[in-house]
Amino acid sequence: KFNSFSDEVQKQLSDLRQELNTLRVGKVTGSGGAQKLGKIRNVRKSIARVLIVRNQTTKDNLRKLYHGKKYKPKDLRKRKTRAIRRLFTPKENSVQLRKVQRRQWAFPQRIYAVKA
């Protein structure tokens, strides 16, 4: 499974969230000192760190899973620009009408050499 993470990481995340909740309650009730108010920021940053690592590993695992596949989820595809994404593929670009093919076959590019 690519979305499942170790129970340790999930537990750490839930502990941090629980701590943040208690700090916020302390802030509202006024029981928390100045130190606890300063701690809220650090706890929020810690939660963000854990989530970033979790999301990055998920994305990396998905990239490995879809590597070389014909179809990929949109968030794993190359971004480029809107205009570039709408351009013809090289194969579509090289396709010719039958009439054009016949004309090129009938009248090929002539090669000339000048005699000195």
PDB file of N, CA and C in Angstrom:
ATOM      1  N   LYS A   1       0.837  -1.196   0.000  1.00  0.00           N
ATOM      2  CA  LYS A   1       0.000   0.000   0.000  1.00  0.00           C
ATOM      3  C   LYS A   1       0.873   1.246   0.000  1.00  0.00           C
ATOM      4  N   PHE A   2       0.425   2.252  -0.749  1.00  0.00           N
ATOM      5  CA  PHE A   2       1.239   3.446  -0.851  1.00  0.00           C
ATOM      6  C   PHE A   2       0.751   4.553   0.075  1.00  0.00           C
ATOM      7  N   ASN A   3      -0.495   4.505   0.495  1.00  0.00           N
ATOM      8  CA  ASN A   3      -1.004   5.552   1.357  1.00  0.00           C
ATOM      9  C   ASN A   3      -0.798   5.259   2.830  1.00  0.00           C
ATOM     10  N   SER A   4      -0.580   3.992   3.182  1.00  0.00           N
ATOM     11  CA  SER A   4      -0.453   3.650   4.589  1.00  0.00           C
ATOM     12  C   SER A   4       0.920   4.065   5.098  1.00  0.00           C
ATOM     13  N   PHE A   5       0.932   4.623   6.276  1.00  0.00           N
ATOM     14  CA  PHE A   5       2.181   5.017   6.892  1.00  0.00           C
ATOM     15  C   PHE A   5       2.333   4.284   8.193  1.00  0.00           C
ATOM     16  N   SER A   6       3.553   4.262   8.663  1.00  0.00           N
ATOM     17  CA  SER A   6       3.809   3.528   9.892  1.00  0.00           C
ATOM     18  C   SER A   6       2.934   4.087  11.005  1.00  0.00           C
ATOM     19  N   ASP A   7       2.520   3.190  11.878  1.00  0.00           N
ATOM     20  CA  ASP A   7       1.667   3.601  12.998  1.00  0.00           C
ATOM     21  C   ASP A   7       2.380   4.637  13.855  1.00  0.00           C
ATOM     22  N   GLU A   8       3.705   4.551  13.867  1.00  0.00           N
ATOM     23  CA  GLU A   8       4.494   5.488  14.667  1.00  0.00           C
ATOM     24  C   GLU A   8       4.274   6.924  14.192  1.00  0.00           C
ATOM     25  N   VAL A   9       4.306   7.115  12.871  1.00  0.00           N
ATOM     26  CA  VAL A   9       4.120   8.460  12.309  1.00  0.00           C
ATOM     27  C   VAL A   9       2.698   8.947  12.570  1.00  0.00           C
ATOM     28  N   GLN A  10       1.722   8.053  12.370  1.00  0.00           N
ATOM     29  CA  GLN A  10       0.323   8.429  12.610  1.00  0.00           C
ATOM     30  C   GLN A  10       0.110   8.801  14.077  1.00  0.00           C
ATOM     31  N   LYS A  11       0.741   8.050  14.972  1.00  0.00           N
ATOM     32  CA  LYS A  11       0.602   8.307  16.411  1.00  0.00           C
ATOM     33  C   LYS A  11       1.233   9.651  16.756  1.00  0.00           C
ATOM     34  N   GLN A  12       2.403   9.912  16.173  1.00  0.00           N
ATOM     35  CA  GLN A  12       3.089  11.185  16.411  1.00  0.00           C
ATOM     36  C   GLN A  12       2.209  12.352  15.968  1.00  0.00           C
ATOM     37  N   LEU A  13       1.572  12.192  14.813  1.00  0.00           N
ATOM     38  CA  LEU A  13       0.699  13.235  14.281  1.00  0.00           C
ATOM     39  C   LEU A  13      -0.495  13.475  15.198  1.00  0.00           C
ATOM     40  N   SER A  14      -1.125  12.388  15.638  1.00  0.00           N
ATOM     41  CA  SER A  14      -2.292  12.547  16.520  1.00  0.00           C
ATOM     42  C   SER A  14      -1.884  13.146  17.865  1.00  0.00           C
ATOM     43  N   ASP A  15      -0.692  12.782  18.378  1.00  0.00           N
ATOM     44  CA  ASP A  15      -0.205  13.365  19.640  1.00  0.00           C
ATOM     45  C   ASP A  15       0.001  14.870  19.498  1.00  0.00           C
ATOM     46  N   LEU A  16       0.616  15.259  18.387  1.00  0.00           N
ATOM     47  CA  LEU A  16       0.859  16.689  18.156  1.00  0.00           C
ATOM     48  C   LEU A  16      -0.457  17.456  18.043  1.00  0.00           C
ATOM     49  N   ARG A  17      -1.422  16.865  17.349  1.00  0.00           N
ATOM     50  CA  ARG A  17      -2.725  17.530  17.205  1.00  0.00           C
ATOM     51  C   ARG A  17      -3.430  17.649  18.550  1.00  0.00           C
ATOM     52  N   GLN A  18      -3.306  16.607  19.348  1.00  0.00           N
ATOM     53  CA  GLN A  18      -3.912  16.623  20.685  1.00  0.00           C
ATOM     54  C   GLN A  18      -3.274  17.723  21.531  1.00  0.00           C
ATOM     55  N   GLU A  19      -1.948  17.820  21.448  1.00  0.00           N
ATOM     56  CA  GLU A  19      -1.225  18.847  22.204  1.00  0.00           C
ATOM     57  C   GLU A  19      -1.657  20.238  21.761  1.00  0.00           C
ATOM     58  N   LEU A  20      -1.819  20.420  20.451  1.00  0.00           N
ATOM     59  CA  LEU A  20      -2.253  21.714  19.926  1.00  0.00           C
ATOM     60  C   LEU A  20      -3.637  22.078  20.461  1.00  0.00           C
ATOM     61  N   ASN A  21      -4.527  21.080  20.492  1.00  0.00           N
ATOM     62  CA  ASN A  21      -5.874  21.328  21.027  1.00  0.00           C
ATOM     63  C   ASN A  21      -5.821  21.770  22.480  1.00  0.00           C
ATOM     64  N   THR A  22      -5.022  21.081  23.289  1.00  0.00           N
ATOM     65  CA  THR A  22      -4.938  21.457  24.714  1.00  0.00           C
ATOM     66  C   THR A  22      -4.346  22.855  24.867  1.00  0.00           C
ATOM     67  N   LEU A  23      -3.356  23.185  24.048  1.00  0.00           N
ATOM     68  CA  LEU A  23      -2.764  24.529  24.114  1.00  0.00           C
ATOM     69  C   LEU A  23      -3.786  25.597  23.729  1.00  0.00           C
ATOM     70  N   ARG A  24      -4.605  25.305  22.724  1.00  0.00           N
ATOM     71  CA  ARG A  24      -5.623  26.279  22.298  1.00  0.00           C
ATOM     72  C   ARG A  24      -6.688  26.461  23.371  1.00  0.00           C
ATOM     73  N   VAL A  25      -7.072  25.364  23.992  1.00  0.00           N
ATOM     74  CA  VAL A  25      -8.055  25.458  25.085  1.00  0.00           C
ATOM     75  C   VAL A  25      -7.467  26.284  26.217  1.00  0.00           C
ATOM     76  N   GLY A  26      -6.187  26.045  26.522  1.00  0.00           N
ATOM     77  CA  GLY A  26      -5.514  26.814  27.568  1.00  0.00           C
ATOM     78  C   GLY A  26      -5.461  28.289  27.232  1.00  0.00           C
ATOM     79  N   LYS A  27      -5.302  28.597  25.973  1.00  0.00           N
ATOM     80  CA  LYS A  27      -5.246  29.994  25.533  1.00  0.00           C
ATOM     81  C   LYS A  27      -6.589  30.680  25.772  1.00  0.00           C
ATOM     82  N   VAL A  28      -7.684  29.969  25.441  1.00  0.00           N
ATOM     83  CA  VAL A  28      -9.022  30.552  25.594  1.00  0.00           C
ATOM     84  C   VAL A  28      -9.375  30.716  27.066  1.00  0.00           C
ATOM     85  N   THR A  29      -9.087  29.683  27.865  1.00  0.00           N
ATOM     86  CA  THR A  29      -9.457  29.732  29.290  1.00  0.00           C
ATOM     87  C   THR A  29      -8.527  30.636  30.078  1.00  0.00           C
ATOM     88  N   GLY A  30      -7.354  30.903  29.555  1.00  0.00           N
ATOM     89  CA  GLY A  30      -6.426  31.794  30.244  1.00  0.00           C
ATOM     90  C   GLY A  30      -5.528  31.068  31.220  1.00  0.00           C
ATOM     91  N   SER A  31      -5.642  29.743  31.271  1.00  0.00           N
ATOM     92  CA  SER A  31      -4.821  28.985  32.214  1.00  0.00           C
ATOM     93  C   SER A  31      -3.391  28.812  31.706  1.00  0.00           C
ATOM     94  N   GLY A  32      -3.190  28.986  30.407  1.00  0.00           N
ATOM     95  CA  GLY A  32      -1.854  28.808  29.829  1.00  0.00           C
ATOM     96  C   GLY A  32      -1.016  30.056  30.018  1.00  0.00           C
ATOM     97  N   GLY A  33       0.238  29.874  30.387  1.00  0.00           N
ATOM     98  CA  GLY A  33       1.130  31.011  30.561  1.00  0.00           C
ATOM     99  C   GLY A  33       1.656  31.493  29.225  1.00  0.00           C
ATOM    100  N   ALA A  34       2.587  32.423  29.284  1.00  0.00           N
ATOM    101  CA  ALA A  34       3.181  32.974  28.063  1.00  0.00           C
ATOM    102  C   ALA A  34       3.985  31.904  27.322  1.00  0.00           C
ATOM    103  N   GLN A  35       4.580  30.990  28.102  1.00  0.00           N
ATOM    104  CA  GLN A  35       5.369  29.928  27.469  1.00  0.00           C
ATOM    105  C   GLN A  35       4.491  29.043  26.601  1.00  0.00           C
ATOM    106  N   LYS A  36       3.301  28.736  27.103  1.00  0.00           N
ATOM    107  CA  LYS A  36       2.405  27.853  26.348  1.00  0.00           C
ATOM    108  C   LYS A  36       1.936  28.528  25.061  1.00  0.00           C
ATOM    109  N   LEU A  37       1.717  29.835  25.131  1.00  0.00           N
ATOM    110  CA  LEU A  37       1.293  30.562  23.927  1.00  0.00           C
ATOM    111  C   LEU A  37       2.388  30.499  22.869  1.00  0.00           C
ATOM    112  N   GLY A  38       3.632  30.608  23.298  1.00  0.00           N
ATOM    113  CA  GLY A  38       4.747  30.521  22.361  1.00  0.00           C
ATOM    114  C   GLY A  38       4.908  29.121  21.798  1.00  0.00           C
ATOM    115  N   LYS A  39       4.442  28.132  22.555  1.00  0.00           N
ATOM    116  CA  LYS A  39       4.596  26.743  22.130  1.00  0.00           C
ATOM    117  C   LYS A  39       3.630  26.385  20.996  1.00  0.00           C
ATOM    118  N   ILE A  40       2.510  27.106  20.891  1.00  0.00           N
ATOM    119  CA  ILE A  40       1.508  26.820  19.851  1.00  0.00           C
ATOM    120  C   ILE A  40       2.160  26.856  18.467  1.00  0.00           C
ATOM    121  N   ARG A  41       2.980  27.871  18.248  1.00  0.00           N
ATOM    122  CA  ARG A  41       3.629  28.019  16.938  1.00  0.00           C
ATOM    123  C   ARG A  41       4.512  26.813  16.633  1.00  0.00           C
ATOM    124  N   ASN A  42       5.309  26.406  17.614  1.00  0.00           N
ATOM    125  CA  ASN A  42       6.218  25.270  17.402  1.00  0.00           C
ATOM    126  C   ASN A  42       5.457  23.985  17.109  1.00  0.00           C
ATOM    127  N   VAL A  43       4.344  23.780  17.807  1.00  0.00           N
ATOM    128  CA  VAL A  43       3.556  22.561  17.595  1.00  0.00           C
ATOM    129  C   VAL A  43       2.952  22.571  16.194  1.00  0.00           C
ATOM    130  N   ARG A  44       2.452  23.741  15.773  1.00  0.00           N
ATOM    131  CA  ARG A  44       1.882  23.836  14.426  1.00  0.00           C
ATOM    132  C   ARG A  44       2.937  23.528  13.364  1.00  0.00           C
ATOM    133  N   LYS A  45       4.145  24.052  13.566  1.00  0.00           N
ATOM    134  CA  LYS A  45       5.228  23.796  12.612  1.00  0.00           C
ATOM    135  C   LYS A  45       5.597  22.315  12.600  1.00  0.00           C
ATOM    136  N   SER A  46       5.576  21.680  13.761  1.00  0.00           N
ATOM    137  CA  SER A  46       5.903  20.249  13.840  1.00  0.00           C
ATOM    138  C   SER A  46       4.875  19.425  13.082  1.00  0.00           C
ATOM    139  N   ILE A  47       3.597  19.785  13.241  1.00  0.00           N
ATOM    140  CA  ILE A  47       2.529  19.085  12.511  1.00  0.00           C
ATOM    141  C   ILE A  47       2.761  19.238  11.009  1.00  0.00           C
ATOM    142  N   ALA A  48       3.098  20.452  10.595  1.00  0.00           N
ATOM    143  CA  ALA A  48       3.339  20.711   9.173  1.00  0.00           C
ATOM    144  C   ALA A  48       4.496  19.860   8.661  1.00  0.00           C
ATOM    145  N   ARG A  49       5.563  19.742   9.462  1.00  0.00           N
ATOM    146  CA  ARG A  49       6.720  18.945   9.063  1.00  0.00           C
ATOM    147  C   ARG A  49       6.332  17.494   8.825  1.00  0.00           C
ATOM    148  N   VAL A  50       5.577  16.934   9.771  1.00  0.00           N
ATOM    149  CA  VAL A  50       5.162  15.529   9.654  1.00  0.00           C
ATOM    150  C   VAL A  50       4.308  15.335   8.406  1.00  0.00           C
ATOM    151  N   LEU A  51       3.371  16.265   8.172  1.00  0.00           N
ATOM    152  CA  LEU A  51       2.483  16.147   7.014  1.00  0.00           C
ATOM    153  C   LEU A  51       3.255  16.271   5.703  1.00  0.00           C
ATOM    154  N   ILE A  52       4.236  17.181   5.670  1.00  0.00           N
ATOM    155  CA  ILE A  52       5.026  17.365   4.448  1.00  0.00           C
ATOM    156  C   ILE A  52       5.770  16.087   4.106  1.00  0.00           C
ATOM    157  N   VAL A  53       6.406  15.491   5.104  1.00  0.00           N
ATOM    158  CA  VAL A  53       7.153  14.251   4.859  1.00  0.00           C
ATOM    159  C   VAL A  53       6.208  13.160   4.381  1.00  0.00           C
ATOM    160  N   ARG A  54       5.048  13.057   5.035  1.00  0.00           N
ATOM    161  CA  ARG A  54       4.080  12.017   4.665  1.00  0.00           C
ATOM    162  C   ARG A  54       3.606  12.199   3.223  1.00  0.00           C
ATOM    163  N   ASN A  55       3.259  13.435   2.873  1.00  0.00           N
ATOM    164  CA  ASN A  55       2.747  13.691   1.523  1.00  0.00           C
ATOM    165  C   ASN A  55       3.820  13.485   0.458  1.00  0.00           C
ATOM    166  N   GLN A  56       5.050  13.891   0.768  1.00  0.00           N
ATOM    167  CA  GLN A  56       6.135  13.715  -0.204  1.00  0.00           C
ATOM    168  C   GLN A  56       6.414  12.243  -0.458  1.00  0.00           C
ATOM    169  N   THR A  57       6.425  11.447   0.611  1.00  0.00           N
ATOM    170  CA  THR A  57       6.699  10.021   0.410  1.00  0.00           C
ATOM    171  C   THR A  57       5.570   9.371  -0.369  1.00  0.00           C
ATOM    172  N   THR A  58       4.332   9.766  -0.089  1.00  0.00           N
ATOM    173  CA  THR A  58       3.198   9.224  -0.847  1.00  0.00           C
ATOM    174  C   THR A  58       3.369   9.529  -2.328  1.00  0.00           C
ATOM    175  N   LYS A  59       3.698  10.787  -2.631  1.00  0.00           N
ATOM    176  CA  LYS A  59       3.835  11.205  -4.027  1.00  0.00           C
ATOM    177  C   LYS A  59       4.991  10.467  -4.707  1.00  0.00           C
ATOM    178  N   ASP A  60       6.109  10.314  -3.997  1.00  0.00           N
ATOM    179  CA  ASP A  60       7.253   9.595  -4.571  1.00  0.00           C
ATOM    180  C   ASP A  60       6.892   8.153  -4.880  1.00  0.00           C
ATOM    181  N   ASN A  61       6.176   7.510  -3.953  1.00  0.00           N
ATOM    182  CA  ASN A  61       5.768   6.120  -4.170  1.00  0.00           C
ATOM    183  C   ASN A  61       4.836   6.008  -5.370  1.00  0.00           C
ATOM    184  N   LEU A  62       3.930   6.977  -5.512  1.00  0.00           N
ATOM    185  CA  LEU A  62       3.011   6.961  -6.653  1.00  0.00           C
ATOM    186  C   LEU A  62       3.767   7.177  -7.963  1.00  0.00           C
ATOM    187  N   ARG A  63       4.776   8.061  -7.928  1.00  0.00           N
ATOM    188  CA  ARG A  63       5.597   8.279  -9.126  1.00  0.00           C
ATOM    189  C   ARG A  63       6.261   6.977  -9.556  1.00  0.00           C
ATOM    190  N   LYS A  64       6.799   6.234  -8.577  1.00  0.00           N
ATOM    191  CA  LYS A  64       7.435   4.947  -8.890  1.00  0.00           C
ATOM    192  C   LYS A  64       6.412   3.967  -9.449  1.00  0.00           C
ATOM    193  N   LEU A  65       5.211   3.974  -8.881  1.00  0.00           N
ATOM    194  CA  LEU A  65       4.168   3.045  -9.313  1.00  0.00           C
ATOM    195  C   LEU A  65       3.760   3.305 -10.761  1.00  0.00           C
ATOM    196  N   TYR A  66       3.608   4.583 -11.122  1.00  0.00           N
ATOM    197  CA  TYR A  66       3.121   4.934 -12.458  1.00  0.00           C
ATOM    198  C   TYR A  66       4.240   5.148 -13.471  1.00  0.00           C
ATOM    199  N   HIS A  67       5.509   4.955 -13.067  1.00  0.00           N
ATOM    200  CA  HIS A  67       6.633   5.178 -13.982  1.00  0.00           C
ATOM    201  C   HIS A  67       6.537   4.226 -15.176  1.00  0.00           C
ATOM    202  N   GLY A  68       6.575   4.805 -16.383  1.00  0.00           N
ATOM    203  CA  GLY A  68       6.541   3.985 -17.589  1.00  0.00           C
ATOM    204  C   GLY A  68       5.144   3.584 -18.027  1.00  0.00           C
ATOM    205  N   LYS A  69       4.116   3.931 -17.256  1.00  0.00           N
ATOM    206  CA  LYS A  69       2.748   3.594 -17.635  1.00  0.00           C
ATOM    207  C   LYS A  69       2.258   4.589 -18.684  1.00  0.00           C
ATOM    208  N   LYS A  70       1.282   4.169 -19.475  1.00  0.00           N
ATOM    209  CA  LYS A  70       0.767   5.049 -20.524  1.00  0.00           C
ATOM    210  C   LYS A  70      -0.047   6.194 -19.924  1.00  0.00           C
ATOM    211  N   TYR A  71      -0.888   5.867 -18.962  1.00  0.00           N
ATOM    212  CA  TYR A  71      -1.733   6.889 -18.346  1.00  0.00           C
ATOM    213  C   TYR A  71      -1.290   7.134 -16.914  1.00  0.00           C
ATOM    214  N   LYS A  72      -1.271   8.428 -16.525  1.00  0.00           N
ATOM    215  CA  LYS A  72      -0.894   8.803 -15.165  1.00  0.00           C
ATOM    216  C   LYS A  72      -1.953   9.743 -14.615  1.00  0.00           C
ATOM    217  N   PRO A  73      -2.076   9.833 -13.296  1.00  0.00           N
ATOM    218  CA  PRO A  73      -2.961  10.843 -12.724  1.00  0.00           C
ATOM    219  C   PRO A  73      -2.469  12.235 -13.119  1.00  0.00           C
ATOM    220  N   LYS A  74      -3.382  13.180 -13.219  1.00  0.00           N
ATOM    221  CA  LYS A  74      -3.018  14.509 -13.715  1.00  0.00           C
ATOM    222  C   LYS A  74      -1.961  15.189 -12.855  1.00  0.00           C
ATOM    223  N   ASP A  75      -2.001  14.958 -11.541  1.00  0.00           N
ATOM    224  CA  ASP A  75      -1.029  15.639 -10.683  1.00  0.00           C
ATOM    225  C   ASP A  75       0.377  15.058 -10.811  1.00  0.00           C
ATOM    226  N   LEU A  76       0.517  13.899 -11.485  1.00  0.00           N
ATOM    227  CA  LEU A  76       1.845  13.313 -11.686  1.00  0.00           C
ATOM    228  C   LEU A  76       2.386  13.590 -13.083  1.00  0.00           C
ATOM    229  N   ARG A  77       1.560  14.167 -13.961  1.00  0.00           N
ATOM    230  CA  ARG A  77       2.012  14.432 -15.328  1.00  0.00           C
ATOM    231  C   ARG A  77       2.895  15.667 -15.365  1.00  0.00           C
ATOM    232  N   LYS A  78       3.617  15.819 -16.485  1.00  0.00           N
ATOM    233  CA  LYS A  78       4.432  17.016 -16.670  1.00  0.00           C
ATOM    234  C   LYS A  78       3.499  18.219 -16.786  1.00  0.00           C
ATOM    235  N   ARG A  79       3.874  19.310 -16.114  1.00  0.00           N
ATOM    236  CA  ARG A  79       2.987  20.460 -16.087  1.00  0.00           C
ATOM    237  C   ARG A  79       3.086  21.292 -17.372  1.00  0.00           C
ATOM    238  N   LYS A  80       4.298  21.690 -17.751  1.00  0.00           N
ATOM    239  CA  LYS A  80       4.542  22.505 -18.942  1.00  0.00           C
ATOM    240  C   LYS A  80       3.644  23.739 -18.949  1.00  0.00           C
ATOM    241  N   THR A  81       3.181  24.177 -20.136  1.00  0.00           N
ATOM    242  CA  THR A  81       2.240  25.297 -20.189  1.00  0.00           C
ATOM    243  C   THR A  81       0.993  24.815 -20.904  1.00  0.00           C
ATOM    244  N   ARG A  82      -0.063  25.542 -20.757  1.00  0.00           N
ATOM    245  CA  ARG A  82      -1.342  25.140 -21.342  1.00  0.00           C
ATOM    246  C   ARG A  82      -1.210  25.020 -22.855  1.00  0.00           C
ATOM    247  N   ALA A  83      -0.512  25.995 -23.456  1.00  0.00           N
ATOM    248  CA  ALA A  83      -0.351  25.998 -24.914  1.00  0.00           C
ATOM    249  C   ALA A  83       0.448  24.784 -25.378  1.00  0.00           C
ATOM    250  N   ILE A  84       1.530  24.467 -24.666  1.00  0.00           N
ATOM    251  CA  ILE A  84       2.361  23.320 -25.062  1.00  0.00           C
ATOM    252  C   ILE A  84       1.574  22.027 -24.925  1.00  0.00           C
ATOM    253  N   ARG A  85       0.771  21.920 -23.859  1.00  0.00           N
ATOM    254  CA  ARG A  85      -0.007  20.691 -23.657  1.00  0.00           C
ATOM    255  C   ARG A  85      -1.011  20.479 -24.780  1.00  0.00           C
ATOM    256  N   ARG A  86      -1.447  21.556 -25.438  1.00  0.00           N
ATOM    257  CA  ARG A  86      -2.449  21.430 -26.485  1.00  0.00           C
ATOM    258  C   ARG A  86      -1.854  21.233 -27.879  1.00  0.00           C
ATOM    259  N   LEU A  87      -0.539  21.304 -28.007  1.00  0.00           N
ATOM    260  CA  LEU A  87       0.091  21.106 -29.312  1.00  0.00           C
ATOM    261  C   LEU A  87      -0.080  19.667 -29.778  1.00  0.00           C
ATOM    262  N   PHE A  88       0.041  19.475 -31.103  1.00  0.00           N
ATOM    263  CA  PHE A  88       0.013  18.118 -31.649  1.00  0.00           C
ATOM    264  C   PHE A  88       1.199  17.324 -31.127  1.00  0.00           C
ATOM    265  N   THR A  89       1.020  16.023 -31.008  1.00  0.00           N
ATOM    266  CA  THR A  89       2.145  15.148 -30.688  1.00  0.00           C
ATOM    267  C   THR A  89       2.974  14.989 -31.963  1.00  0.00           C
ATOM    268  N   PRO A  90       4.234  14.560 -31.863  1.00  0.00           N
ATOM    269  CA  PRO A  90       5.047  14.374 -33.082  1.00  0.00           C
ATOM    270  C   PRO A  90       4.379  13.428 -34.078  1.00  0.00           C
ATOM    271  N   LYS A  91       3.719  12.387 -33.600  1.00  0.00           N
ATOM    272  CA  LYS A  91       3.047  11.431 -34.496  1.00  0.00           C
ATOM    273  C   LYS A  91       1.904  12.114 -35.242  1.00  0.00           C
ATOM    274  N   GLU A  92       1.088  12.882 -34.506  1.00  0.00           N
ATOM    275  CA  GLU A  92      -0.024  13.593 -35.146  1.00  0.00           C
ATOM    276  C   GLU A  92       0.496  14.602 -36.167  1.00  0.00           C
ATOM    277  N   ASN A  93       1.647  15.191 -35.853  1.00  0.00           N
ATOM    278  CA  ASN A  93       2.234  16.196 -36.735  1.00  0.00           C
ATOM    279  C   ASN A  93       2.723  15.598 -38.047  1.00  0.00           C
ATOM    280  N   SER A  94       3.198  14.356 -37.998  1.00  0.00           N
ATOM    281  CA  SER A  94       3.790  13.747 -39.190  1.00  0.00           C
ATOM    282  C   SER A  94       2.748  13.124 -40.118  1.00  0.00           C
ATOM    283  N   VAL A  95       1.509  13.005 -39.678  1.00  0.00           N
ATOM    284  CA  VAL A  95       0.465  12.389 -40.509  1.00  0.00           C
ATOM    285  C   VAL A  95       0.180  13.283 -41.719  1.00  0.00           C
ATOM    286  N   GLN A  96       0.110  12.656 -42.913  1.00  0.00           N
ATOM    287  CA  GLN A  96      -0.165  13.409 -44.141  1.00  0.00           C
ATOM    288  C   GLN A  96      -1.436  12.890 -44.798  1.00  0.00           C
ATOM    289  N   LEU A  97      -2.088  13.756 -45.575  1.00  0.00           N
ATOM    290  CA  LEU A  97      -3.239  13.328 -46.354  1.00  0.00           C
ATOM    291  C   LEU A  97      -2.766  12.414 -47.481  1.00  0.00           C
ATOM    292  N   ARG A  98      -3.647  11.522 -47.947  1.00  0.00           N
ATOM    293  CA  ARG A  98      -3.269  10.600 -49.027  1.00  0.00           C
ATOM    294  C   ARG A  98      -2.871  11.370 -50.282  1.00  0.00           C
ATOM    295  N   LYS A  99      -3.609  12.439 -50.563  1.00  0.00           N
ATOM    296  CA  LYS A  99      -3.335  13.237 -51.758  1.00  0.00           C
ATOM    297  C   LYS A  99      -1.912  13.817 -51.700  1.00  0.00           C
ATOM    298  N   VAL A 100      -1.528  14.309 -50.544  1.00  0.00           N
ATOM    299  CA  VAL A 100      -0.189  14.888 -50.373  1.00  0.00           C
ATOM    300  C   VAL A 100       0.868  13.803 -50.523  1.00  0.00           C
ATOM    301  N   GLN A 101       0.602  12.620 -49.949  1.00  0.00           N
ATOM    302  CA  GLN A 101       1.556  11.506 -50.063  1.00  0.00           C
ATOM    303  C   GLN A 101       1.769  11.132 -51.529  1.00  0.00           C
ATOM    304  N   ARG A 102       0.665  11.021 -52.279  1.00  0.00           N
ATOM    305  CA  ARG A 102       0.761  10.660 -53.704  1.00  0.00           C
ATOM    306  C   ARG A 102       1.546  11.711 -54.481  1.00  0.00           C
ATOM    307  N   ARG A 103       1.286  12.979 -54.208  1.00  0.00           N
ATOM    308  CA  ARG A 103       1.968  14.054 -54.924  1.00  0.00           C
ATOM    309  C   ARG A 103       3.474  14.010 -54.638  1.00  0.00           C
ATOM    310  N   GLN A 104       3.834  13.758 -53.373  1.00  0.00           N
ATOM    311  CA  GLN A 104       5.261  13.684 -53.036  1.00  0.00           C
ATOM    312  C   GLN A 104       5.922  12.475 -53.685  1.00  0.00           C
ATOM    313  N   TRP A 105       5.180  11.379 -53.796  1.00  0.00           N
ATOM    314  CA  TRP A 105       5.727  10.184 -54.430  1.00  0.00           C
ATOM    315  C   TRP A 105       5.900  10.411 -55.937  1.00  0.00           C
ATOM    316  N   ALA A 106       4.915  11.088 -56.539  1.00  0.00           N
ATOM    317  CA  ALA A 106       4.948  11.313 -57.986  1.00  0.00           C
ATOM    318  C   ALA A 106       5.992  12.358 -58.374  1.00  0.00           C
ATOM    319  N   PHE A 107       6.158  13.356 -57.551  1.00  0.00           N
ATOM    320  CA  PHE A 107       7.103  14.433 -57.854  1.00  0.00           C
ATOM    321  C   PHE A 107       8.085  14.594 -56.702  1.00  0.00           C
ATOM    322  N   PRO A 108       9.049  13.692 -56.601  1.00  0.00           N
ATOM    323  CA  PRO A 108       9.999  13.793 -55.490  1.00  0.00           C
ATOM    324  C   PRO A 108      10.936  14.980 -55.660  1.00  0.00           C
ATOM    325  N   GLN A 109      11.621  15.334 -54.583  1.00  0.00           N
ATOM    326  CA  GLN A 109      12.592  16.429 -54.626  1.00  0.00           C
ATOM    327  C   GLN A 109      13.740  16.020 -55.547  1.00  0.00           C
ATOM    328  N   ARG A 110      14.005  16.840 -56.584  1.00  0.00           N
ATOM    329  CA  ARG A 110      15.064  16.504 -57.534  1.00  0.00           C
ATOM    330  C   ARG A 110      16.422  16.906 -56.964  1.00  0.00           C
ATOM    331  N   ILE A 111      17.431  16.096 -57.241  1.00  0.00           N
ATOM    332  CA  ILE A 111      18.781  16.398 -56.782  1.00  0.00           C
ATOM    333  C   ILE A 111      19.626  16.730 -58.011  1.00  0.00           C
ATOM    334  N   TYR A 112      20.219  17.895 -58.025  1.00  0.00           N
ATOM    335  CA  TYR A 112      21.007  18.345 -59.173  1.00  0.00           C
ATOM    336  C   TYR A 112      22.464  18.496 -58.775  1.00  0.00           C
ATOM    337  N   ALA A 113      23.338  18.235 -59.741  1.00  0.00           N
ATOM    338  CA  ALA A 113      24.769  18.490 -59.542  1.00  0.00           C
ATOM    339  C   ALA A 113      25.254  19.290 -60.747  1.00  0.00           C
ATOM    340  N   VAL A 114      25.993  20.340 -60.507  1.00  0.00           N
ATOM    341  CA  VAL A 114      26.487  21.178 -61.596  1.00  0.00           C
ATOM    342  C   VAL A 114      27.814  20.611 -62.083  1.00  0.00           C
ATOM    343  N   LYS A 115      27.899  20.399 -63.426  1.00  0.00           N
ATOM    344  CA  LYS A 115      29.126  19.862 -64.016  1.00  0.00           C
ATOM    345  C   LYS A 115      30.109  21.015 -64.210  1.00  0.00           C
ATOM    346  N   ALA A 116      31.329  20.848 -63.762  1.00  0.00           N
ATOM    347  CA  ALA A 116      32.304  21.935 -63.853  1.00  0.00           C
ATOM    348  C   ALA A 116      32.959  21.988 -65.216  1.00  0.00           C
TER     349      ALA A 116
END
